[in-house]
Amino acid sequence: STQPPNNLFNYYKQRAEILFYLNKYEDALSDIYAMEKINEIPSSIKLIKWESLIQIQCAKVRQEIKQSLVIQDDLSHIELLARIHPNNMKKIFNGMS
């Protein structure tokens, strides 16, 4: 009766490894979490688990940096325009109020 869970465990293990190498970190993690419910995971899978968590976190940070750079870029354009065309910028801001 221990055979089916073991087959399922191996299935998740193989799939998690493949998903990890395809950079599908969230999908790999969900398979690893399924494995953890069946049995203790081997150290090779623990490595994949931590690497996936790190990659997901890095992607979030990269996205936040990208968004803040876009905002800073917009602000620097406005500053540049203000320096080049001070009268036009006054008109724009006066028109907004």
PDB file of N, CA and C in Angstrom:
ATOM      1  N   SER A   1       0.823  -1.218   0.000  1.00  0.00           N
ATOM      2  CA  SER A   1       0.000   0.000   0.000  1.00  0.00           C
ATOM      3  C   SER A   1       0.860   1.272   0.000  1.00  0.00           C
ATOM      4  N   THR A   2       2.186   1.113   0.230  1.00  0.00           N
ATOM      5  CA  THR A   2       3.063   2.294   0.196  1.00  0.00           C
ATOM      6  C   THR A   2       3.478   2.639  -1.233  1.00  0.00           C
ATOM      7  N   GLN A   3       3.165   1.779  -2.187  1.00  0.00           N
ATOM      8  CA  GLN A   3       3.602   1.991  -3.573  1.00  0.00           C
ATOM      9  C   GLN A   3       2.957   3.219  -4.234  1.00  0.00           C
ATOM     10  N   PRO A   4       1.627   3.380  -4.198  1.00  0.00           N
ATOM     11  CA  PRO A   4       1.034   4.543  -4.881  1.00  0.00           C
ATOM     12  C   PRO A   4       1.562   5.897  -4.382  1.00  0.00           C
ATOM     13  N   PRO A   5       1.641   6.147  -3.044  1.00  0.00           N
ATOM     14  CA  PRO A   5       2.192   7.440  -2.612  1.00  0.00           C
ATOM     15  C   PRO A   5       3.625   7.650  -3.103  1.00  0.00           C
ATOM     16  N   ASN A   6       4.405   6.562  -3.137  1.00  0.00           N
ATOM     17  CA  ASN A   6       5.786   6.645  -3.596  1.00  0.00           C
ATOM     18  C   ASN A   6       5.841   7.027  -5.077  1.00  0.00           C
ATOM     19  N   ASN A   7       4.959   6.413  -5.875  1.00  0.00           N
ATOM     20  CA  ASN A   7       4.877   6.758  -7.303  1.00  0.00           C
ATOM     21  C   ASN A   7       4.517   8.230  -7.475  1.00  0.00           C
ATOM     22  N   LEU A   8       3.548   8.676  -6.673  1.00  0.00           N
ATOM     23  CA  LEU A   8       3.099  10.067  -6.728  1.00  0.00           C
ATOM     24  C   LEU A   8       4.242  11.003  -6.316  1.00  0.00           C
ATOM     25  N   PHE A   9       4.965  10.607  -5.281  1.00  0.00           N
ATOM     26  CA  PHE A   9       6.109  11.380  -4.789  1.00  0.00           C
ATOM     27  C   PHE A   9       7.152  11.544  -5.897  1.00  0.00           C
ATOM     28  N   ASN A  10       7.473  10.442  -6.558  1.00  0.00           N
ATOM     29  CA  ASN A  10       8.461  10.475  -7.652  1.00  0.00           C
ATOM     30  C   ASN A  10       7.969  11.306  -8.834  1.00  0.00           C
ATOM     31  N   TYR A  11       6.661  11.200  -9.096  1.00  0.00           N
ATOM     32  CA  TYR A  11       6.055  11.993 -10.176  1.00  0.00           C
ATOM     33  C   TYR A  11       6.240  13.488  -9.884  1.00  0.00           C
ATOM     34  N   TYR A  12       5.883  13.894  -8.655  1.00  0.00           N
ATOM     35  CA  TYR A  12       6.038  15.300  -8.262  1.00  0.00           C
ATOM     36  C   TYR A  12       7.505  15.724  -8.299  1.00  0.00           C
ATOM     37  N   LYS A  13       8.393  14.833  -7.874  1.00  0.00           N
ATOM     38  CA  LYS A  13       9.835  15.124  -7.835  1.00  0.00           C
ATOM     39  C   LYS A  13      10.351  15.413  -9.245  1.00  0.00           C
ATOM     40  N   GLN A  14      10.028  14.524 -10.178  1.00  0.00           N
ATOM     41  CA  GLN A  14      10.485  14.712 -11.565  1.00  0.00           C
ATOM     42  C   GLN A  14       9.900  15.988 -12.161  1.00  0.00           C
ATOM     43  N   ARG A  15       8.607  16.190 -11.902  1.00  0.00           N
ATOM     44  CA  ARG A  15       7.953  17.368 -12.470  1.00  0.00           C
ATOM     45  C   ARG A  15       8.520  18.658 -11.864  1.00  0.00           C
ATOM     46  N   ALA A  16       8.767  18.660 -10.562  1.00  0.00           N
ATOM     47  CA  ALA A  16       9.332  19.842  -9.891  1.00  0.00           C
ATOM     48  C   ALA A  16      10.703  20.184 -10.470  1.00  0.00           C
ATOM     49  N   GLU A  17      11.510  19.154 -10.720  1.00  0.00           N
ATOM     50  CA  GLU A  17      12.846  19.378 -11.293  1.00  0.00           C
ATOM     51  C   GLU A  17      12.743  19.988 -12.689  1.00  0.00           C
ATOM     52  N   ILE A  18      11.847  19.459 -13.489  1.00  0.00           N
ATOM     53  CA  ILE A  18      11.662  19.968 -14.859  1.00  0.00           C
ATOM     54  C   ILE A  18      11.154  21.411 -14.824  1.00  0.00           C
ATOM     55  N   LEU A  19      10.132  21.652 -14.003  1.00  0.00           N
ATOM     56  CA  LEU A  19       9.566  23.002 -13.904  1.00  0.00           C
ATOM     57  C   LEU A  19      10.615  24.006 -13.429  1.00  0.00           C
ATOM     58  N   PHE A  20      11.436  23.583 -12.475  1.00  0.00           N
ATOM     59  CA  PHE A  20      12.499  24.449 -11.964  1.00  0.00           C
ATOM     60  C   PHE A  20      13.458  24.835 -13.083  1.00  0.00           C
ATOM     61  N   TYR A  21      13.874  23.855 -13.876  1.00  0.00           N
ATOM     62  CA  TYR A  21      14.824  24.140 -14.958  1.00  0.00           C
ATOM     63  C   TYR A  21      14.192  24.947 -16.083  1.00  0.00           C
ATOM     64  N   LEU A  22      12.861  24.969 -16.127  1.00  0.00           N
ATOM     65  CA  LEU A  22      12.145  25.815 -17.099  1.00  0.00           C
ATOM     66  C   LEU A  22      11.872  27.210 -16.519  1.00  0.00           C
ATOM     67  N   ASN A  23      12.441  27.474 -15.318  1.00  0.00           N
ATOM     68  CA  ASN A  23      12.245  28.744 -14.601  1.00  0.00           C
ATOM     69  C   ASN A  23      10.790  28.985 -14.206  1.00  0.00           C
ATOM     70  N   LYS A  24      10.037  27.908 -14.030  1.00  0.00           N
ATOM     71  CA  LYS A  24       8.647  28.020 -13.568  1.00  0.00           C
ATOM     72  C   LYS A  24       8.644  27.732 -12.061  1.00  0.00           C
ATOM     73  N   TYR A  25       9.139  28.735 -11.314  1.00  0.00           N
ATOM     74  CA  TYR A  25       9.420  28.533  -9.893  1.00  0.00           C
ATOM     75  C   TYR A  25       8.165  28.316  -9.049  1.00  0.00           C
ATOM     76  N   GLU A  26       7.095  29.062  -9.319  1.00  0.00           N
ATOM     77  CA  GLU A  26       5.859  28.889  -8.546  1.00  0.00           C
ATOM     78  C   GLU A  26       5.291  27.487  -8.741  1.00  0.00           C
ATOM     79  N   ASP A  27       5.311  27.003  -9.997  1.00  0.00           N
ATOM     80  CA  ASP A  27       4.794  25.666 -10.300  1.00  0.00           C
ATOM     81  C   ASP A  27       5.656  24.594  -9.640  1.00  0.00           C
ATOM     82  N   ALA A  28       6.967  24.789  -9.677  1.00  0.00           N
ATOM     83  CA  ALA A  28       7.879  23.834  -9.030  1.00  0.00           C
ATOM     84  C   ALA A  28       7.592  23.778  -7.536  1.00  0.00           C
ATOM     85  N   LEU A  29       7.374  24.941  -6.927  1.00  0.00           N
ATOM     86  CA  LEU A  29       7.091  24.988  -5.488  1.00  0.00           C
ATOM     87  C   LEU A  29       5.804  24.260  -5.139  1.00  0.00           C
ATOM     88  N   SER A  30       4.770  24.414  -5.958  1.00  0.00           N
ATOM     89  CA  SER A  30       3.507  23.743  -5.627  1.00  0.00           C
ATOM     90  C   SER A  30       3.672  22.224  -5.665  1.00  0.00           C
ATOM     91  N   ASP A  31       4.507  21.720  -6.586  1.00  0.00           N
ATOM     92  CA  ASP A  31       4.797  20.281  -6.606  1.00  0.00           C
ATOM     93  C   ASP A  31       5.615  19.870  -5.382  1.00  0.00           C
ATOM     94  N   ILE A  32       6.551  20.719  -4.981  1.00  0.00           N
ATOM     95  CA  ILE A  32       7.376  20.419  -3.802  1.00  0.00           C
ATOM     96  C   ILE A  32       6.508  20.395  -2.546  1.00  0.00           C
ATOM     97  N   TYR A  33       5.562  21.328  -2.439  1.00  0.00           N
ATOM     98  CA  TYR A  33       4.654  21.331  -1.284  1.00  0.00           C
ATOM     99  C   TYR A  33       3.809  20.059  -1.267  1.00  0.00           C
ATOM    100  N   ALA A  34       3.406  19.596  -2.450  1.00  0.00           N
ATOM    101  CA  ALA A  34       2.650  18.335  -2.546  1.00  0.00           C
ATOM    102  C   ALA A  34       3.524  17.165  -2.088  1.00  0.00           C
ATOM    103  N   MET A  35       4.802  17.190  -2.457  1.00  0.00           N
ATOM    104  CA  MET A  35       5.747  16.146  -2.032  1.00  0.00           C
ATOM    105  C   MET A  35       5.892  16.126  -0.517  1.00  0.00           C
ATOM    106  N   GLU A  36       5.977  17.311   0.083  1.00  0.00           N
ATOM    107  CA  GLU A  36       6.169  17.419   1.536  1.00  0.00           C
ATOM    108  C   GLU A  36       5.005  16.808   2.310  1.00  0.00           C
ATOM    109  N   LYS A  37       3.819  16.831   1.707  1.00  0.00           N
ATOM    110  CA  LYS A  37       2.651  16.222   2.361  1.00  0.00           C
ATOM    111  C   LYS A  37       2.759  14.700   2.364  1.00  0.00           C
ATOM    112  N   ILE A  38       3.461  14.155   1.369  1.00  0.00           N
ATOM    113  CA  ILE A  38       3.595  12.698   1.239  1.00  0.00           C
ATOM    114  C   ILE A  38       4.754  12.178   2.085  1.00  0.00           C
ATOM    115  N   ASN A  39       5.888  12.854   1.997  1.00  0.00           N
ATOM    116  CA  ASN A  39       7.101  12.351   2.654  1.00  0.00           C
ATOM    117  C   ASN A  39       8.110  13.483   2.824  1.00  0.00           C
ATOM    118  N   GLU A  40       9.199  13.199   3.528  1.00  0.00           N
ATOM    119  CA  GLU A  40      10.267  14.190   3.671  1.00  0.00           C
ATOM    120  C   GLU A  40      10.989  14.328   2.329  1.00  0.00           C
ATOM    121  N   ILE A  41      11.284  15.562   1.963  1.00  0.00           N
ATOM    122  CA  ILE A  41      11.905  15.780   0.648  1.00  0.00           C
ATOM    123  C   ILE A  41      13.426  15.623   0.727  1.00  0.00           C
ATOM    124  N   PRO A  42      14.035  15.080  -0.333  1.00  0.00           N
ATOM    125  CA  PRO A  42      15.496  14.935  -0.353  1.00  0.00           C
ATOM    126  C   PRO A  42      16.194  16.297  -0.453  1.00  0.00           C
ATOM    127  N   SER A  43      17.477  16.322  -0.109  1.00  0.00           N
ATOM    128  CA  SER A  43      18.223  17.592  -0.089  1.00  0.00           C
ATOM    129  C   SER A  43      18.276  18.264  -1.464  1.00  0.00           C
ATOM    130  N   SER A  44      18.298  17.469  -2.539  1.00  0.00           N
ATOM    131  CA  SER A  44      18.319  18.066  -3.888  1.00  0.00           C
ATOM    132  C   SER A  44      17.050  18.876  -4.142  1.00  0.00           C
ATOM    133  N   ILE A  45      15.934  18.382  -3.616  1.00  0.00           N
ATOM    134  CA  ILE A  45      14.656  19.094  -3.778  1.00  0.00           C
ATOM    135  C   ILE A  45      14.595  20.291  -2.824  1.00  0.00           C
ATOM    136  N   LYS A  46      15.194  20.153  -1.643  1.00  0.00           N
ATOM    137  CA  LYS A  46      15.256  21.302  -0.719  1.00  0.00           C
ATOM    138  C   LYS A  46      16.007  22.459  -1.377  1.00  0.00           C
ATOM    139  N   LEU A  47      17.073  22.125  -2.100  1.00  0.00           N
ATOM    140  CA  LEU A  47      17.834  23.153  -2.825  1.00  0.00           C
ATOM    141  C   LEU A  47      16.959  23.851  -3.857  1.00  0.00           C
ATOM    142  N   ILE A  48      16.210  23.054  -4.607  1.00  0.00           N
ATOM    143  CA  ILE A  48      15.303  23.606  -5.624  1.00  0.00           C
ATOM    144  C   ILE A  48      14.242  24.478  -4.957  1.00  0.00           C
ATOM    145  N   LYS A  49      13.748  24.018  -3.805  1.00  0.00           N
ATOM    146  CA  LYS A  49      12.729  24.779  -3.073  1.00  0.00           C
ATOM    147  C   LYS A  49      13.266  26.161  -2.688  1.00  0.00           C
ATOM    148  N   TRP A  50      14.451  26.190  -2.057  1.00  0.00           N
ATOM    149  CA  TRP A  50      15.008  27.471  -1.607  1.00  0.00           C
ATOM    150  C   TRP A  50      15.402  28.356  -2.778  1.00  0.00           C
ATOM    151  N   GLU A  51      15.972  27.764  -3.802  1.00  0.00           N
ATOM    152  CA  GLU A  51      16.351  28.534  -4.994  1.00  0.00           C
ATOM    153  C   GLU A  51      15.105  29.142  -5.648  1.00  0.00           C
ATOM    154  N   SER A  52      14.012  28.374  -5.684  1.00  0.00           N
ATOM    155  CA  SER A  52      12.753  28.876  -6.259  1.00  0.00           C
ATOM    156  C   SER A  52      12.225  30.049  -5.450  1.00  0.00           C
ATOM    157  N   LEU A  53      12.245  29.897  -4.117  1.00  0.00           N
ATOM    158  CA  LEU A  53      11.772  30.984  -3.250  1.00  0.00           C
ATOM    159  C   LEU A  53      12.613  32.245  -3.455  1.00  0.00           C
ATOM    160  N   ILE A  54      13.919  32.068  -3.586  1.00  0.00           N
ATOM    161  CA  ILE A  54      14.826  33.203  -3.814  1.00  0.00           C
ATOM    162  C   ILE A  54      14.533  33.854  -5.165  1.00  0.00           C
ATOM    163  N   GLN A  55      14.360  33.036  -6.204  1.00  0.00           N
ATOM    164  CA  GLN A  55      14.088  33.571  -7.550  1.00  0.00           C
ATOM    165  C   GLN A  55      12.777  34.358  -7.578  1.00  0.00           C
ATOM    166  N   ILE A  56      11.758  33.835  -6.889  1.00  0.00           N
ATOM    167  CA  ILE A  56      10.455  34.516  -6.838  1.00  0.00           C
ATOM    168  C   ILE A  56      10.614  35.869  -6.139  1.00  0.00           C
ATOM    169  N   GLN A  57      11.358  35.873  -5.027  1.00  0.00           N
ATOM    170  CA  GLN A  57      11.598  37.107  -4.277  1.00  0.00           C
ATOM    171  C   GLN A  57      12.391  38.105  -5.117  1.00  0.00           C
ATOM    172  N   CYS A  58      13.409  37.630  -5.815  1.00  0.00           N
ATOM    173  CA  CYS A  58      14.226  38.500  -6.687  1.00  0.00           C
ATOM    174  C   CYS A  58      13.375  39.114  -7.789  1.00  0.00           C
ATOM    175  N   ALA A  59      12.486  38.321  -8.350  1.00  0.00           N
ATOM    176  CA  ALA A  59      11.608  38.820  -9.416  1.00  0.00           C
ATOM    177  C   ALA A  59      10.720  39.945  -8.884  1.00  0.00           C
ATOM    178  N   LYS A  60      10.215  39.785  -7.646  1.00  0.00           N
ATOM    179  CA  LYS A  60       9.378  40.829  -7.035  1.00  0.00           C
ATOM    180  C   LYS A  60      10.180  42.108  -6.836  1.00  0.00           C
ATOM    181  N   VAL A  61      11.403  41.963  -6.331  1.00  0.00           N
ATOM    182  CA  VAL A  61      12.270  43.126  -6.097  1.00  0.00           C
ATOM    183  C   VAL A  61      12.613  43.808  -7.421  1.00  0.00           C
ATOM    184  N   ARG A  62      12.948  42.985  -8.438  1.00  0.00           N
ATOM    185  CA  ARG A  62      13.252  43.549  -9.767  1.00  0.00           C
ATOM    186  C   ARG A  62      12.077  44.363 -10.291  1.00  0.00           C
ATOM    187  N   GLN A  63      10.868  43.835 -10.109  1.00  0.00           N
ATOM    188  CA  GLN A  63       9.662  44.516 -10.578  1.00  0.00           C
ATOM    189  C   GLN A  63       9.474  45.838  -9.837  1.00  0.00           C
ATOM    190  N   GLU A  64       9.687  45.815  -8.513  1.00  0.00           N
ATOM    191  CA  GLU A  64       9.550  47.041  -7.716  1.00  0.00           C
ATOM    192  C   GLU A  64      10.575  48.089  -8.146  1.00  0.00           C
ATOM    193  N   ILE A  65      11.812  47.652  -8.390  1.00  0.00           N
ATOM    194  CA  ILE A  65      12.866  48.573  -8.838  1.00  0.00           C
ATOM    195  C   ILE A  65      12.492  49.170 -10.189  1.00  0.00           C
ATOM    196  N   LYS A  66      12.017  48.306 -11.092  1.00  0.00           N
ATOM    197  CA  LYS A  66      11.630  48.760 -12.432  1.00  0.00           C
ATOM    198  C   LYS A  66      10.534  49.823 -12.335  1.00  0.00           C
ATOM    199  N   GLN A  67       9.527  49.559 -11.473  1.00  0.00           N
ATOM    200  CA  GLN A  67       8.422  50.509 -11.325  1.00  0.00           C
ATOM    201  C   GLN A  67       8.904  51.830 -10.742  1.00  0.00           C
ATOM    202  N   SER A  68       9.794  51.770  -9.747  1.00  0.00           N
ATOM    203  CA  SER A  68      10.287  53.019  -9.150  1.00  0.00           C
ATOM    204  C   SER A  68      11.161  53.785 -10.139  1.00  0.00           C
ATOM    205  N   LEU A  69      11.901  53.072 -10.991  1.00  0.00           N
ATOM    206  CA  LEU A  69      12.717  53.741 -12.012  1.00  0.00           C
ATOM    207  C   LEU A  69      11.837  54.445 -13.031  1.00  0.00           C
ATOM    208  N   VAL A  70      10.726  53.816 -13.386  1.00  0.00           N
ATOM    209  CA  VAL A  70       9.788  54.432 -14.335  1.00  0.00           C
ATOM    210  C   VAL A  70       9.246  55.725 -13.741  1.00  0.00           C
ATOM    211  N   ILE A  71       8.874  55.682 -12.458  1.00  0.00           N
ATOM    212  CA  ILE A  71       8.354  56.881 -11.786  1.00  0.00           C
ATOM    213  C   ILE A  71       9.435  57.962 -11.732  1.00  0.00           C
ATOM    214  N   GLN A  72      10.666  57.581 -11.349  1.00  0.00           N
ATOM    215  CA  GLN A  72      11.771  58.545 -11.290  1.00  0.00           C
ATOM    216  C   GLN A  72      12.068  59.123 -12.670  1.00  0.00           C
ATOM    217  N   ASP A  73      11.977  58.277 -13.683  1.00  0.00           N
ATOM    218  CA  ASP A  73      12.217  58.711 -15.057  1.00  0.00           C
ATOM    219  C   ASP A  73      11.194  59.774 -15.453  1.00  0.00           C
ATOM    220  N   ASP A  74       9.917  59.525 -15.123  1.00  0.00           N
ATOM    221  CA  ASP A  74       8.856  60.494 -15.413  1.00  0.00           C
ATOM    222  C   ASP A  74       9.129  61.816 -14.698  1.00  0.00           C
ATOM    223  N   LEU A  75       9.525  61.724 -13.417  1.00  0.00           N
ATOM    224  CA  LEU A  75       9.798  62.931 -12.640  1.00  0.00           C
ATOM    225  C   LEU A  75      10.983  63.703 -13.211  1.00  0.00           C
ATOM    226  N   SER A  76      12.023  62.978 -13.644  1.00  0.00           N
ATOM    227  CA  SER A  76      13.197  63.670 -14.198  1.00  0.00           C
ATOM    228  C   SER A  76      12.854  64.336 -15.527  1.00  0.00           C
ATOM    229  N   HIS A  77      11.939  63.741 -16.299  1.00  0.00           N
ATOM    230  CA  HIS A  77      11.490  64.382 -17.544  1.00  0.00           C
ATOM    231  C   HIS A  77      10.767  65.689 -17.238  1.00  0.00           C
ATOM    232  N   ILE A  78       9.926  65.659 -16.215  1.00  0.00           N
ATOM    233  CA  ILE A  78       9.180  66.866 -15.832  1.00  0.00           C
ATOM    234  C   ILE A  78      10.156  67.950 -15.368  1.00  0.00           C
ATOM    235  N   GLU A  79      11.159  67.541 -14.551  1.00  0.00           N
ATOM    236  CA  GLU A  79      12.179  68.503 -14.084  1.00  0.00           C
ATOM    237  C   GLU A  79      12.943  69.105 -15.256  1.00  0.00           C
ATOM    238  N   LEU A  80      13.319  68.249 -16.199  1.00  0.00           N
ATOM    239  CA  LEU A  80      14.068  68.694 -17.377  1.00  0.00           C
ATOM    240  C   LEU A  80      13.236  69.693 -18.181  1.00  0.00           C
ATOM    241  N   LEU A  81      11.970  69.361 -18.389  1.00  0.00           N
ATOM    242  CA  LEU A  81      11.077  70.272 -19.120  1.00  0.00           C
ATOM    243  C   LEU A  81      10.951  71.597 -18.384  1.00  0.00           C
ATOM    244  N   ALA A  82      10.880  71.532 -17.066  1.00  0.00           N
ATOM    245  CA  ALA A  82      10.750  72.752 -16.258  1.00  0.00           C
ATOM    246  C   ALA A  82      11.980  73.635 -16.427  1.00  0.00           C
ATOM    247  N   ARG A  83      13.160  73.001 -16.527  1.00  0.00           N
ATOM    248  CA  ARG A  83      14.395  73.771 -16.698  1.00  0.00           C
ATOM    249  C   ARG A  83      14.493  74.363 -18.105  1.00  0.00           C
ATOM    250  N   ILE A  84      14.059  73.586 -19.098  1.00  0.00           N
ATOM    251  CA  ILE A  84      14.166  74.044 -20.491  1.00  0.00           C
ATOM    252  C   ILE A  84      13.101  75.091 -20.809  1.00  0.00           C
ATOM    253  N   HIS A  85      11.888  74.827 -20.355  1.00  0.00           N
ATOM    254  CA  HIS A  85      10.755  75.714 -20.675  1.00  0.00           C
ATOM    255  C   HIS A  85      10.068  76.185 -19.390  1.00  0.00           C
ATOM    256  N   PRO A  86      10.721  77.011 -18.592  1.00  0.00           N
ATOM    257  CA  PRO A  86      10.099  77.411 -17.320  1.00  0.00           C
ATOM    258  C   PRO A  86       8.749  78.101 -17.510  1.00  0.00           C
ATOM    259  N   ASN A  87       8.634  78.913 -18.557  1.00  0.00           N
ATOM    260  CA  ASN A  87       7.362  79.618 -18.768  1.00  0.00           C
ATOM    261  C   ASN A  87       6.245  78.656 -19.150  1.00  0.00           C
ATOM    262  N   ASN A  88       6.576  77.703 -20.026  1.00  0.00           N
ATOM    263  CA  ASN A  88       5.572  76.716 -20.428  1.00  0.00           C
ATOM    264  C   ASN A  88       5.104  75.891 -19.232  1.00  0.00           C
ATOM    265  N   MET A  89       6.049  75.510 -18.362  1.00  0.00           N
ATOM    266  CA  MET A  89       5.687  74.696 -17.206  1.00  0.00           C
ATOM    267  C   MET A  89       4.783  75.487 -16.263  1.00  0.00           C
ATOM    268  N   LYS A  90       5.070  76.786 -16.107  1.00  0.00           N
ATOM    269  CA  LYS A  90       4.214  77.626 -15.258  1.00  0.00           C
ATOM    270  C   LYS A  90       2.795  77.631 -15.819  1.00  0.00           C
ATOM    271  N   LYS A  91       2.698  77.758 -17.144  1.00  0.00           N
ATOM    272  CA  LYS A  91       1.380  77.760 -17.797  1.00  0.00           C
ATOM    273  C   LYS A  91       0.655  76.444 -17.535  1.00  0.00           C
ATOM    274  N   ILE A  92       1.411  75.330 -17.686  1.00  0.00           N
ATOM    275  CA  ILE A  92       0.807  74.005 -17.498  1.00  0.00           C
ATOM    276  C   ILE A  92       0.285  73.865 -16.069  1.00  0.00           C
ATOM    277  N   PHE A  93       1.146  74.221 -15.084  1.00  0.00           N
ATOM    278  CA  PHE A  93       0.737  74.049 -13.689  1.00  0.00           C
ATOM    279  C   PHE A  93      -0.354  75.038 -13.296  1.00  0.00           C
ATOM    280  N   ASN A  94      -0.316  76.238 -13.852  1.00  0.00           N
ATOM    281  CA  ASN A  94      -1.381  77.202 -13.574  1.00  0.00           C
ATOM    282  C   ASN A  94      -2.692  76.735 -14.198  1.00  0.00           C
ATOM    283  N   GLY A  95      -2.587  76.100 -15.352  1.00  0.00           N
ATOM    284  CA  GLY A  95      -3.773  75.579 -16.029  1.00  0.00           C
ATOM    285  C   GLY A  95      -4.397  74.415 -15.280  1.00  0.00           C
ATOM    286  N   MET A  96      -3.570  73.708 -14.497  1.00  0.00           N
ATOM    287  CA  MET A  96      -4.068  72.542 -13.754  1.00  0.00           C
ATOM    288  C   MET A  96      -4.864  72.960 -12.535  1.00  0.00           C
ATOM    289  N   SER A  97      -4.514  74.110 -11.946  1.00  0.00           N
ATOM    290  CA  SER A  97      -5.169  74.513 -10.693  1.00  0.00           C
ATOM    291  C   SER A  97      -6.527  75.149 -10.948  1.00  0.00           C
TER     292      SER A  97
END
